[in-house]
Amino acid sequence: MKVKVLYKLVTLGLVFSLGTPVAAQADEADARRILKSMSDYVGAQTALSFEYDAILEVTTKEDQVLALASSGSVTLNRPNKIHVTRAGGFADVEMLFDGETLTLLGKNHNIYTQLEVPGTIDHLVDELKNTYNRPLPAADLLLSGSYDELMRDVIDVKDLGSGVIGGVECDFLAFRTEDVDWQIWIAQGERPYPCRYVITTKHLANAPQYAVQTRAWKTGAEVATDDFEFKNPTNADKVKLEDLKGTGALPDHFKKGDTE
């Protein structure tokens, strides 16, 4: 009798874990559809703004996981204007892009630098990530066609039902690639904006995460007016990019190891 009961429990566990092939395919199709609706909605907004809280986890050589917290705001006007702020215990940064010139202001040291990066927001996102190693918060979600970028190299897709983020009911989706697992919570209803986005690195010790949670989403006429030009109200000193202290993702006294 005990063997039969155990067999039934194991069988039920497998059914719960794996589901039927048809159900799994339906869940994957729903997840892709929901993610595409988010991408289409965000990409169609000519003006949007939101506030965010972010947690960047780093692992020390002693295998201790440290969580670096920051908050900020994003305002953009497509196709080529964006204003981003980020404040944490070690950095207070403001970034403005007017379609031609990118300004990075380190408020803690009252210094700034400027780079000529003419083009769209999509082009700026690529340049910041690939050329300058200064990715924007949740940048993948801001691209005009974020679906293709998000789904690049994805090998597993799951629709995990619903969840609540900041009082907003969301669809909860999970995706996997060879290198990272990522999850996203997307607001249900006519405005399917991303409420929470979590990336887990699979091949580093302790699987550190980057998480960003958004709030106060506004679009169209709701977005406050912004000219996206740097005025230098504090008479900050202009420096070269390599001398722009206090604006990186990590505190200046942190030293990266051999594996990032």
C-alpha atoms as a PDB file:
ATOM      1  CA  MET A   1       0.000   0.000   0.000  1.00  0.00           C
ATOM      2  CA  LYS A   2       2.781   2.430   0.878  1.00  0.00           C
ATOM      3  CA  VAL A   3       4.475   1.735  -2.447  1.00  0.00           C
ATOM      4  CA  LYS A   4       1.234   2.439  -4.330  1.00  0.00           C
ATOM      5  CA  VAL A   5       0.667   5.698  -2.446  1.00  0.00           C
ATOM      6  CA  LEU A   6       4.242   6.775  -3.069  1.00  0.00           C
ATOM      7  CA  TYR A   7       3.893   5.938  -6.775  1.00  0.00           C
ATOM      8  CA  LYS A   8       0.701   8.016  -6.993  1.00  0.00           C
ATOM      9  CA  LEU A   9       2.374  10.969  -5.268  1.00  0.00           C
ATOM     10  CA  VAL A  10       5.381  10.809  -7.571  1.00  0.00           C
ATOM     11  CA  THR A  11       3.106  10.581 -10.614  1.00  0.00           C
ATOM     12  CA  LEU A  12       1.075  13.574  -9.472  1.00  0.00           C
ATOM     13  CA  GLY A  13       4.302  15.489  -8.878  1.00  0.00           C
ATOM     14  CA  LEU A  14       5.476  14.815 -12.407  1.00  0.00           C
ATOM     15  CA  VAL A  15       2.140  15.874 -13.860  1.00  0.00           C
ATOM     16  CA  PHE A  16       2.237  19.102 -11.865  1.00  0.00           C
ATOM     17  CA  SER A  17       5.856  19.822 -12.801  1.00  0.00           C
ATOM     18  CA  LEU A  18       5.730  18.994 -16.477  1.00  0.00           C
ATOM     19  CA  GLY A  19       2.117  19.442 -17.508  1.00  0.00           C
ATOM     20  CA  THR A  20       0.832  18.060 -20.788  1.00  0.00           C
ATOM     21  CA  PRO A  21       2.606  18.932 -24.049  1.00  0.00           C
ATOM     22  CA  VAL A  22      -0.499  20.699 -25.350  1.00  0.00           C
ATOM     23  CA  ALA A  23      -0.836  22.826 -22.206  1.00  0.00           C
ATOM     24  CA  ALA A  24       2.865  23.698 -22.293  1.00  0.00           C
ATOM     25  CA  GLN A  25       2.599  24.816 -25.911  1.00  0.00           C
ATOM     26  CA  ALA A  26      -0.450  26.952 -25.083  1.00  0.00           C
ATOM     27  CA  ASP A  27       1.360  28.563 -22.147  1.00  0.00           C
ATOM     28  CA  GLU A  28       4.373  29.345 -24.354  1.00  0.00           C
ATOM     29  CA  ALA A  29       2.166  30.882 -27.034  1.00  0.00           C
ATOM     30  CA  ASP A  30       0.378  33.016 -24.426  1.00  0.00           C
ATOM     31  CA  ALA A  31       3.690  34.163 -22.931  1.00  0.00           C
ATOM     32  CA  ARG A  32       5.019  35.180 -26.333  1.00  0.00           C
ATOM     33  CA  ARG A  33       1.778  37.008 -27.125  1.00  0.00           C
ATOM     34  CA  ILE A  34       1.794  38.909 -23.827  1.00  0.00           C
ATOM     35  CA  LEU A  35       5.446  39.895 -24.210  1.00  0.00           C
ATOM     36  CA  LYS A  36       4.809  41.041 -27.786  1.00  0.00           C
ATOM     37  CA  SER A  37       1.858  43.164 -26.629  1.00  0.00           C
ATOM     38  CA  MET A  38       4.130  44.841 -24.066  1.00  0.00           C
ATOM     39  CA  SER A  39       6.801  45.477 -26.704  1.00  0.00           C
ATOM     40  CA  ASP A  40       4.259  46.907 -29.144  1.00  0.00           C
ATOM     41  CA  TYR A  41       2.676  49.128 -26.492  1.00  0.00           C
ATOM     42  CA  VAL A  42       5.926  50.583 -25.139  1.00  0.00           C
ATOM     43  CA  GLY A  43       7.428  50.961 -28.620  1.00  0.00           C
ATOM     44  CA  ALA A  44       4.365  52.836 -29.866  1.00  0.00           C
ATOM     45  CA  GLN A  45       4.603  55.534 -27.170  1.00  0.00           C
ATOM     46  CA  THR A  46       6.168  58.702 -28.579  1.00  0.00           C
ATOM     47  CA  ALA A  47       6.479  60.050 -25.027  1.00  0.00           C
ATOM     48  CA  LEU A  48       6.694  58.104 -21.781  1.00  0.00           C
ATOM     49  CA  SER A  49       8.105  58.399 -18.286  1.00  0.00           C
ATOM     50  CA  PHE A  50       8.398  56.249 -15.182  1.00  0.00           C
ATOM     51  CA  GLU A  51      10.244  55.934 -11.888  1.00  0.00           C
ATOM     52  CA  TYR A  52      12.179  52.843 -10.860  1.00  0.00           C
ATOM     53  CA  ASP A  53      13.966  51.036  -8.050  1.00  0.00           C
ATOM     54  CA  ALA A  54      16.849  48.740  -8.967  1.00  0.00           C
ATOM     55  CA  ILE A  55      18.906  46.087  -7.201  1.00  0.00           C
ATOM     56  CA  LEU A  56      22.239  44.959  -8.674  1.00  0.00           C
ATOM     57  CA  GLU A  57      23.737  41.932  -6.942  1.00  0.00           C
ATOM     58  CA  VAL A  58      27.481  41.318  -6.993  1.00  0.00           C
ATOM     59  CA  THR A  59      29.416  38.346  -5.628  1.00  0.00           C
ATOM     60  CA  THR A  60      32.656  38.896  -3.741  1.00  0.00           C
ATOM     61  CA  LYS A  61      35.651  36.576  -3.967  1.00  0.00           C
ATOM     62  CA  GLU A  62      34.509  35.199  -0.604  1.00  0.00           C
ATOM     63  CA  ASP A  63      31.170  34.236  -2.249  1.00  0.00           C
ATOM     64  CA  GLN A  64      29.229  36.887  -0.360  1.00  0.00           C
ATOM     65  CA  VAL A  65      26.335  38.363  -2.340  1.00  0.00           C
ATOM     66  CA  LEU A  66      25.964  42.139  -1.990  1.00  0.00           C
ATOM     67  CA  ALA A  67      22.879  44.003  -3.194  1.00  0.00           C
ATOM     68  CA  LEU A  68      23.487  47.528  -4.504  1.00  0.00           C
ATOM     69  CA  ALA A  69      20.282  49.563  -4.419  1.00  0.00           C
ATOM     70  CA  SER A  70      19.406  52.647  -6.451  1.00  0.00           C
ATOM     71  CA  SER A  71      16.388  54.593  -7.624  1.00  0.00           C
ATOM     72  CA  GLY A  72      15.733  56.955 -10.481  1.00  0.00           C
ATOM     73  CA  SER A  73      13.525  58.107 -13.304  1.00  0.00           C
ATOM     74  CA  VAL A  74      13.310  57.847 -17.087  1.00  0.00           C
ATOM     75  CA  THR A  75      11.679  60.284 -19.515  1.00  0.00           C
ATOM     76  CA  LEU A  76      11.874  59.796 -23.270  1.00  0.00           C
ATOM     77  CA  ASN A  77      10.520  61.262 -26.466  1.00  0.00           C
ATOM     78  CA  ARG A  78      10.929  59.061 -29.503  1.00  0.00           C
ATOM     79  CA  PRO A  79      12.828  58.808 -31.657  1.00  0.00           C
ATOM     80  CA  ASN A  80      15.903  60.475 -30.167  1.00  0.00           C
ATOM     81  CA  LYS A  81      15.533  62.156 -26.776  1.00  0.00           C
ATOM     82  CA  ILE A  82      15.910  60.696 -23.280  1.00  0.00           C
ATOM     83  CA  HIS A  83      16.575  61.889 -19.721  1.00  0.00           C
ATOM     84  CA  VAL A  84      17.620  59.382 -17.046  1.00  0.00           C
ATOM     85  CA  THR A  85      18.501  59.796 -13.367  1.00  0.00           C
ATOM     86  CA  ARG A  86      19.995  57.248 -10.962  1.00  0.00           C
ATOM     87  CA  ALA A  87      20.715  57.829  -7.276  1.00  0.00           C
ATOM     88  CA  GLY A  88      22.278  55.326  -4.887  1.00  0.00           C
ATOM     89  CA  GLY A  89      24.547  55.346  -1.870  1.00  0.00           C
ATOM     90  CA  PHE A  90      27.634  55.724  -4.073  1.00  0.00           C
ATOM     91  CA  ALA A  91      26.372  57.602  -7.145  1.00  0.00           C
ATOM     92  CA  ASP A  92      24.043  60.410  -8.125  1.00  0.00           C
ATOM     93  CA  VAL A  93      23.949  60.465 -11.918  1.00  0.00           C
ATOM     94  CA  GLU A  94      21.991  62.369 -14.534  1.00  0.00           C
ATOM     95  CA  MET A  95      22.043  61.544 -18.243  1.00  0.00           C
ATOM     96  CA  LEU A  96      20.579  63.700 -21.001  1.00  0.00           C
ATOM     97  CA  PHE A  97      20.480  62.987 -24.724  1.00  0.00           C
ATOM     98  CA  ASP A  98      19.048  65.463 -27.239  1.00  0.00           C
ATOM     99  CA  GLY A  99      19.535  63.396 -30.378  1.00  0.00           C
ATOM    100  CA  GLU A 100      23.096  64.583 -30.945  1.00  0.00           C
ATOM    101  CA  THR A 101      24.960  65.003 -27.671  1.00  0.00           C
ATOM    102  CA  LEU A 102      24.990  62.679 -24.670  1.00  0.00           C
ATOM    103  CA  THR A 103      25.737  64.373 -21.338  1.00  0.00           C
ATOM    104  CA  LEU A 104      26.671  62.379 -18.228  1.00  0.00           C
ATOM    105  CA  LEU A 105      26.643  64.396 -14.996  1.00  0.00           C
ATOM    106  CA  GLY A 106      28.151  63.079 -11.755  1.00  0.00           C
ATOM    107  CA  LYS A 107      26.381  65.167  -9.130  1.00  0.00           C
ATOM    108  CA  ASN A 108      28.430  63.848  -6.202  1.00  0.00           C
ATOM    109  CA  HIS A 109      31.607  65.335  -7.692  1.00  0.00           C
ATOM    110  CA  ASN A 110      29.919  68.099  -9.736  1.00  0.00           C
ATOM    111  CA  ILE A 111      31.620  66.975 -12.948  1.00  0.00           C
ATOM    112  CA  TYR A 112      30.303  66.019 -16.361  1.00  0.00           C
ATOM    113  CA  THR A 113      31.349  64.734 -19.738  1.00  0.00           C
ATOM    114  CA  GLN A 114      29.788  64.912 -23.190  1.00  0.00           C
ATOM    115  CA  LEU A 115      29.898  62.497 -26.117  1.00  0.00           C
ATOM    116  CA  GLU A 116      28.679  62.950 -29.663  1.00  0.00           C
ATOM    117  CA  VAL A 117      26.369  59.999 -30.366  1.00  0.00           C
ATOM    118  CA  PRO A 118      23.951  61.228 -33.044  1.00  0.00           C
ATOM    119  CA  GLY A 119      21.024  58.936 -33.751  1.00  0.00           C
ATOM    120  CA  THR A 120      17.988  57.331 -32.181  1.00  0.00           C
ATOM    121  CA  ILE A 121      17.416  56.076 -28.648  1.00  0.00           C
ATOM    122  CA  ASP A 122      17.887  52.529 -29.951  1.00  0.00           C
ATOM    123  CA  HIS A 123      21.311  53.489 -31.315  1.00  0.00           C
ATOM    124  CA  LEU A 124      22.222  55.194 -28.027  1.00  0.00           C
ATOM    125  CA  VAL A 125      21.255  52.095 -26.025  1.00  0.00           C
ATOM    126  CA  ASP A 126      23.564  49.967 -28.182  1.00  0.00           C
ATOM    127  CA  GLU A 127      26.440  52.445 -27.935  1.00  0.00           C
ATOM    128  CA  LEU A 128      26.162  52.785 -24.160  1.00  0.00           C
ATOM    129  CA  LYS A 129      26.125  49.010 -23.685  1.00  0.00           C
ATOM    130  CA  ASN A 130      28.633  47.878 -26.301  1.00  0.00           C
ATOM    131  CA  THR A 131      31.038  50.829 -26.634  1.00  0.00           C
ATOM    132  CA  TYR A 132      31.004  52.544 -23.246  1.00  0.00           C
ATOM    133  CA  ASN A 133      29.918  49.705 -20.896  1.00  0.00           C
ATOM    134  CA  ARG A 134      27.308  51.965 -19.310  1.00  0.00           C
ATOM    135  CA  PRO A 135      23.945  50.241 -19.946  1.00  0.00           C
ATOM    136  CA  LEU A 136      20.753  52.134 -19.204  1.00  0.00           C
ATOM    137  CA  PRO A 137      18.395  50.782 -16.514  1.00  0.00           C
ATOM    138  CA  ALA A 138      16.045  48.212 -18.126  1.00  0.00           C
ATOM    139  CA  ALA A 139      17.253  49.408 -21.528  1.00  0.00           C
ATOM    140  CA  ASP A 140      16.006  46.293 -23.335  1.00  0.00           C
ATOM    141  CA  LEU A 141      12.450  47.275 -22.413  1.00  0.00           C
ATOM    142  CA  LEU A 142      12.765  50.762 -23.943  1.00  0.00           C
ATOM    143  CA  LEU A 143      13.745  49.771 -27.473  1.00  0.00           C
ATOM    144  CA  SER A 144      11.235  50.534 -30.209  1.00  0.00           C
ATOM    145  CA  GLY A 145      11.165  46.797 -31.017  1.00  0.00           C
ATOM    146  CA  SER A 146      12.079  45.222 -27.694  1.00  0.00           C
ATOM    147  CA  TYR A 147      10.447  41.843 -28.423  1.00  0.00           C
ATOM    148  CA  ASP A 148      13.126  40.684 -30.863  1.00  0.00           C
ATOM    149  CA  GLU A 149      15.940  41.753 -28.542  1.00  0.00           C
ATOM    150  CA  LEU A 150      14.343  40.147 -25.473  1.00  0.00           C
ATOM    151  CA  MET A 151      13.664  36.870 -27.299  1.00  0.00           C
ATOM    152  CA  ARG A 152      17.179  36.593 -28.703  1.00  0.00           C
ATOM    153  CA  ASP A 153      18.674  33.190 -27.757  1.00  0.00           C
ATOM    154  CA  VAL A 154      15.632  32.214 -25.632  1.00  0.00           C
ATOM    155  CA  ILE A 155      15.322  28.435 -25.299  1.00  0.00           C
ATOM    156  CA  ASP A 156      12.469  28.115 -22.788  1.00  0.00           C
ATOM    157  CA  VAL A 157       9.285  30.128 -22.248  1.00  0.00           C
ATOM    158  CA  LYS A 158       6.711  29.897 -19.458  1.00  0.00           C
ATOM    159  CA  ASP A 159       3.476  31.696 -18.596  1.00  0.00           C
ATOM    160  CA  LEU A 160       3.301  31.474 -14.789  1.00  0.00           C
ATOM    161  CA  GLY A 161      -0.087  33.105 -14.315  1.00  0.00           C
ATOM    162  CA  SER A 162      -0.518  36.375 -12.490  1.00  0.00           C
ATOM    163  CA  GLY A 163       1.146  38.345  -9.717  1.00  0.00           C
ATOM    164  CA  VAL A 164       0.774  41.737  -8.098  1.00  0.00           C
ATOM    165  CA  ILE A 165       3.536  44.366  -8.253  1.00  0.00           C
ATOM    166  CA  GLY A 166       2.997  47.672  -6.461  1.00  0.00           C
ATOM    167  CA  GLY A 167      -0.733  47.006  -6.305  1.00  0.00           C
ATOM    168  CA  VAL A 168      -0.955  46.352 -10.069  1.00  0.00           C
ATOM    169  CA  GLU A 169      -2.128  42.922 -11.264  1.00  0.00           C
ATOM    170  CA  CYS A 170       0.361  41.573 -13.775  1.00  0.00           C
ATOM    171  CA  ASP A 171       0.987  38.640 -16.077  1.00  0.00           C
ATOM    172  CA  PHE A 172       4.040  36.742 -14.809  1.00  0.00           C
ATOM    173  CA  LEU A 173       6.344  35.302 -17.497  1.00  0.00           C
ATOM    174  CA  ALA A 174       9.665  33.448 -17.298  1.00  0.00           C
ATOM    175  CA  PHE A 175      12.294  32.897 -19.999  1.00  0.00           C
ATOM    176  CA  ARG A 176      15.630  31.079 -20.209  1.00  0.00           C
ATOM    177  CA  THR A 177      18.740  31.335 -22.360  1.00  0.00           C
ATOM    178  CA  GLU A 178      21.977  29.399 -22.036  1.00  0.00           C
ATOM    179  CA  ASP A 179      23.519  32.206 -19.962  1.00  0.00           C
ATOM    180  CA  VAL A 180      20.662  33.841 -18.045  1.00  0.00           C
ATOM    181  CA  ASP A 181      17.178  33.290 -16.716  1.00  0.00           C
ATOM    182  CA  TRP A 182      14.872  36.285 -16.773  1.00  0.00           C
ATOM    183  CA  GLN A 183      11.400  37.055 -15.527  1.00  0.00           C
ATOM    184  CA  ILE A 184       9.000  39.871 -16.262  1.00  0.00           C
ATOM    185  CA  TRP A 185       5.726  41.060 -14.764  1.00  0.00           C
ATOM    186  CA  ILE A 186       3.529  42.962 -17.256  1.00  0.00           C
ATOM    187  CA  ALA A 187       0.519  45.045 -16.240  1.00  0.00           C
ATOM    188  CA  GLN A 188      -2.775  43.571 -17.338  1.00  0.00           C
ATOM    189  CA  GLY A 189      -5.306  45.642 -19.265  1.00  0.00           C
ATOM    190  CA  GLU A 190      -5.073  48.262 -21.983  1.00  0.00           C
ATOM    191  CA  ARG A 191      -1.666  49.545 -20.826  1.00  0.00           C
ATOM    192  CA  PRO A 192       0.636  46.491 -20.732  1.00  0.00           C
ATOM    193  CA  TYR A 193       3.753  48.177 -19.386  1.00  0.00           C
ATOM    194  CA  PRO A 194       6.551  46.276 -17.576  1.00  0.00           C
ATOM    195  CA  CYS A 195       6.221  46.439 -13.787  1.00  0.00           C
ATOM    196  CA  ARG A 196       9.171  44.272 -12.783  1.00  0.00           C
ATOM    197  CA  TYR A 197      12.120  42.743 -14.662  1.00  0.00           C
ATOM    198  CA  VAL A 198      14.625  40.317 -13.126  1.00  0.00           C
ATOM    199  CA  ILE A 199      17.737  38.838 -14.772  1.00  0.00           C
ATOM    200  CA  THR A 200      19.622  35.976 -13.107  1.00  0.00           C
ATOM    201  CA  THR A 201      23.137  35.121 -14.267  1.00  0.00           C
ATOM    202  CA  LYS A 202      23.486  31.340 -14.376  1.00  0.00           C
ATOM    203  CA  HIS A 203      27.244  30.881 -14.746  1.00  0.00           C
ATOM    204  CA  LEU A 204      28.513  33.060 -11.894  1.00  0.00           C
ATOM    205  CA  ALA A 205      28.847  31.974  -8.283  1.00  0.00           C
ATOM    206  CA  ASN A 206      25.598  32.329  -6.303  1.00  0.00           C
ATOM    207  CA  ALA A 207      23.657  33.337  -9.452  1.00  0.00           C
ATOM    208  CA  PRO A 208      23.571  37.135  -8.860  1.00  0.00           C
ATOM    209  CA  GLN A 209      20.529  39.042 -10.092  1.00  0.00           C
ATOM    210  CA  TYR A 210      19.679  42.412 -11.527  1.00  0.00           C
ATOM    211  CA  ALA A 211      16.129  43.531 -10.740  1.00  0.00           C
ATOM    212  CA  VAL A 212      14.290  46.702 -11.678  1.00  0.00           C
ATOM    213  CA  GLN A 213      10.786  47.589 -10.512  1.00  0.00           C
ATOM    214  CA  THR A 214       8.904  50.459 -12.116  1.00  0.00           C
ATOM    215  CA  ARG A 215       6.112  52.736 -10.999  1.00  0.00           C
ATOM    216  CA  ALA A 216       4.329  55.963 -11.955  1.00  0.00           C
ATOM    217  CA  TRP A 217       4.119  55.119 -15.657  1.00  0.00           C
ATOM    218  CA  LYS A 218       2.929  58.011 -17.801  1.00  0.00           C
ATOM    219  CA  THR A 219       2.450  58.321 -21.555  1.00  0.00           C
ATOM    220  CA  GLY A 220       1.511  60.962 -24.108  1.00  0.00           C
ATOM    221  CA  ALA A 221       0.186  64.202 -22.672  1.00  0.00           C
ATOM    222  CA  GLU A 222       0.692  62.874 -19.112  1.00  0.00           C
ATOM    223  CA  VAL A 223       4.480  63.174 -19.519  1.00  0.00           C
ATOM    224  CA  ALA A 224       6.046  66.344 -18.103  1.00  0.00           C
ATOM    225  CA  THR A 225       7.727  68.673 -20.602  1.00  0.00           C
ATOM    226  CA  ASP A 226      11.495  68.207 -20.944  1.00  0.00           C
ATOM    227  CA  ASP A 227      13.845  69.872 -23.468  1.00  0.00           C
ATOM    228  CA  PHE A 228      16.580  67.229 -22.883  1.00  0.00           C
ATOM    229  CA  GLU A 229      19.383  69.795 -23.101  1.00  0.00           C
ATOM    230  CA  PHE A 230      22.129  70.156 -20.505  1.00  0.00           C
ATOM    231  CA  LYS A 231      22.096  73.608 -18.871  1.00  0.00           C
ATOM    232  CA  ASN A 232      24.869  73.101 -16.242  1.00  0.00           C
ATOM    233  CA  PRO A 233      23.062  74.970 -13.440  1.00  0.00           C
ATOM    234  CA  THR A 234      25.721  74.004 -10.837  1.00  0.00           C
ATOM    235  CA  ASN A 235      28.741  75.120 -12.919  1.00  0.00           C
ATOM    236  CA  ALA A 236      30.051  71.548 -13.017  1.00  0.00           C
ATOM    237  CA  ASP A 237      33.528  71.002 -14.436  1.00  0.00           C
ATOM    238  CA  LYS A 238      33.825  69.211 -17.766  1.00  0.00           C
ATOM    239  CA  VAL A 239      36.124  66.168 -17.762  1.00  0.00           C
ATOM    240  CA  LYS A 240      37.017  63.264 -20.010  1.00  0.00           C
ATOM    241  CA  LEU A 241      34.883  60.140 -19.776  1.00  0.00           C
ATOM    242  CA  GLU A 242      37.643  58.168 -18.046  1.00  0.00           C
ATOM    243  CA  ASP A 243      37.814  60.849 -15.330  1.00  0.00           C
ATOM    244  CA  LEU A 244      34.071  60.869 -14.648  1.00  0.00           C
ATOM    245  CA  LYS A 245      34.073  59.417 -11.138  1.00  0.00           C
ATOM    246  CA  GLY A 246      31.026  58.322  -9.180  1.00  0.00           C
ATOM    247  CA  THR A 247      28.810  57.462 -12.144  1.00  0.00           C
ATOM    248  CA  GLY A 248      29.406  53.743 -12.731  1.00  0.00           C
ATOM    249  CA  ALA A 249      27.230  50.766 -11.861  1.00  0.00           C
ATOM    250  CA  LEU A 250      29.659  49.868  -9.052  1.00  0.00           C
ATOM    251  CA  PRO A 251      31.219  52.018  -6.320  1.00  0.00           C
ATOM    252  CA  ASP A 252      34.630  53.392  -7.265  1.00  0.00           C
ATOM    253  CA  HIS A 253      36.345  51.351  -4.533  1.00  0.00           C
ATOM    254  CA  PHE A 254      34.978  48.049  -5.912  1.00  0.00           C
ATOM    255  CA  LYS A 255      37.404  46.111  -8.115  1.00  0.00           C
ATOM    256  CA  LYS A 256      36.106  43.711 -10.741  1.00  0.00           C
ATOM    257  CA  GLY A 257      37.478  40.199 -10.734  1.00  0.00           C
ATOM    258  CA  ASP A 258      38.498  38.096 -13.695  1.00  0.00           C
ATOM    259  CA  THR A 259      34.870  37.078 -14.333  1.00  0.00           C
ATOM    260  CA  GLU A 260      32.312  39.857 -14.630  1.00  0.00           C
END
